Amino acid sequence: MAVEMLVEPQKLGVNALMKVGDRVRVVQSVVVYHHPEHRSQAFDLEGSEGDVVDIVTQWQGRPVSANLPVLVQFNKKFKAHLREKELEII
């Protein structure tokens, strides 16, 4: 089933070149505290690689301008929302 886009991604500040399924690498220091292997400890994602699983432009059918619009799956148990400027397509 296809989902129709109500708002063009570039109007919401999302890189139109990045799309679901792209392999990406974190190029800036991004510290998270929810990594399953480092629970409640600071963990820097810089250099980590994963796959884009979603670009958040809608929530419950309404357009949104998410601060961290790119959802990246790093492994089976770990996903993170990131900014497009923190990633590079590989």
Protein backbone atom coordinates (compact mmCIF):
# COMPACT_ATOMS: atom_id res chain seq x y z
CA MET A 1 0.00 0.00 0.00
CA ALA A 2 1.49 3.35 -1.00
CA VAL A 3 1.44 6.31 1.35
CA GLU A 4 0.93 9.67 -0.32
CA MET A 5 3.17 12.52 0.85
CA LEU A 6 1.24 15.64 1.86
CA VAL A 7 4.32 17.86 2.17
CA GLU A 8 7.47 17.69 0.09
CA PRO A 9 10.48 16.65 2.23
CA GLN A 10 12.65 19.61 1.16
CA LYS A 11 10.00 22.04 2.51
CA LEU A 12 10.48 20.50 5.95
CA GLY A 13 14.26 20.79 5.81
CA VAL A 14 14.92 17.11 5.10
CA ASN A 15 17.63 16.22 2.59
CA ALA A 16 15.79 15.11 -0.54
CA LEU A 17 18.78 12.95 -1.54
CA MET A 18 18.57 10.77 1.59
CA LYS A 19 15.87 8.11 1.40
CA VAL A 20 14.65 5.03 3.23
CA GLY A 21 17.01 2.10 2.64
CA ASP A 22 20.19 4.19 2.31
CA ARG A 23 23.27 3.00 4.17
CA VAL A 24 24.63 5.89 6.29
CA ARG A 25 27.52 6.70 8.63
CA VAL A 26 27.44 9.12 11.58
CA VAL A 27 30.04 11.83 10.82
CA GLN A 28 29.63 14.07 13.89
CA SER A 29 29.90 13.35 17.57
CA VAL A 30 26.42 12.32 18.76
CA VAL A 31 26.16 11.12 22.35
CA VAL A 32 23.21 8.89 23.29
CA TYR A 33 22.23 7.26 26.57
CA HIS A 34 19.85 4.59 25.26
CA HIS A 35 22.25 2.21 23.47
CA PRO A 36 21.34 -1.33 24.64
CA GLU A 37 24.96 -2.36 25.25
CA HIS A 38 25.77 0.85 27.17
CA ARG A 39 22.51 1.45 29.05
CA SER A 40 22.49 4.74 31.05
CA GLN A 41 26.06 5.53 29.98
CA ALA A 42 27.23 8.07 27.45
CA PHE A 43 27.92 6.42 24.09
CA ASP A 44 29.24 8.34 21.06
CA LEU A 45 27.76 7.20 17.72
CA GLU A 46 30.43 8.89 15.56
CA GLY A 47 31.65 6.39 12.94
CA SER A 48 28.69 4.02 13.46
CA GLU A 49 26.93 2.74 10.35
CA GLY A 50 23.29 1.84 9.84
CA ASP A 51 20.32 1.93 7.49
CA VAL A 52 17.73 4.70 7.15
CA VAL A 53 14.37 3.15 8.10
CA ASP A 54 12.23 6.30 8.11
CA ILE A 55 12.32 10.01 7.40
CA VAL A 56 9.78 11.63 9.69
CA THR A 57 7.67 14.18 7.84
CA GLN A 58 4.23 13.13 9.12
CA TRP A 59 2.66 12.14 12.43
CA GLN A 60 -0.86 10.70 12.46
CA GLY A 61 -1.34 11.92 8.90
CA ARG A 62 -0.36 15.53 9.62
CA PRO A 63 2.87 17.18 8.42
CA VAL A 64 5.50 17.83 11.09
CA SER A 65 8.90 19.49 11.12
CA ALA A 66 10.83 17.07 13.33
CA ASN A 67 14.09 18.25 14.91
CA LEU A 68 15.64 14.79 14.38
CA PRO A 69 13.86 13.55 11.25
CA VAL A 70 16.07 10.64 10.13
CA LEU A 71 15.48 7.31 11.90
CA VAL A 72 18.50 5.02 11.56
CA GLN A 73 18.60 1.31 12.48
CA PHE A 74 22.14 0.47 13.66
CA ASN A 75 21.52 -3.12 14.70
CA LYS A 76 18.60 -5.40 15.55
CA LYS A 77 18.07 -3.78 18.97
CA PHE A 78 19.13 -0.17 18.41
CA LYS A 79 17.58 2.72 16.45
CA ALA A 80 18.17 6.46 16.83
CA HIS A 81 16.70 9.66 15.43
CA LEU A 82 19.36 11.94 13.92
CA ARG A 83 19.70 15.15 11.93
CA GLU A 84 20.60 14.82 8.25
CA LYS A 85 23.76 16.95 8.77
CA GLU A 86 25.05 14.32 11.24
CA LEU A 87 25.00 11.62 8.53
CA GLU A 88 26.66 10.82 5.24
CA ILE A 89 25.41 8.34 2.65
CA ILE A 90 27.87 5.49 2.03
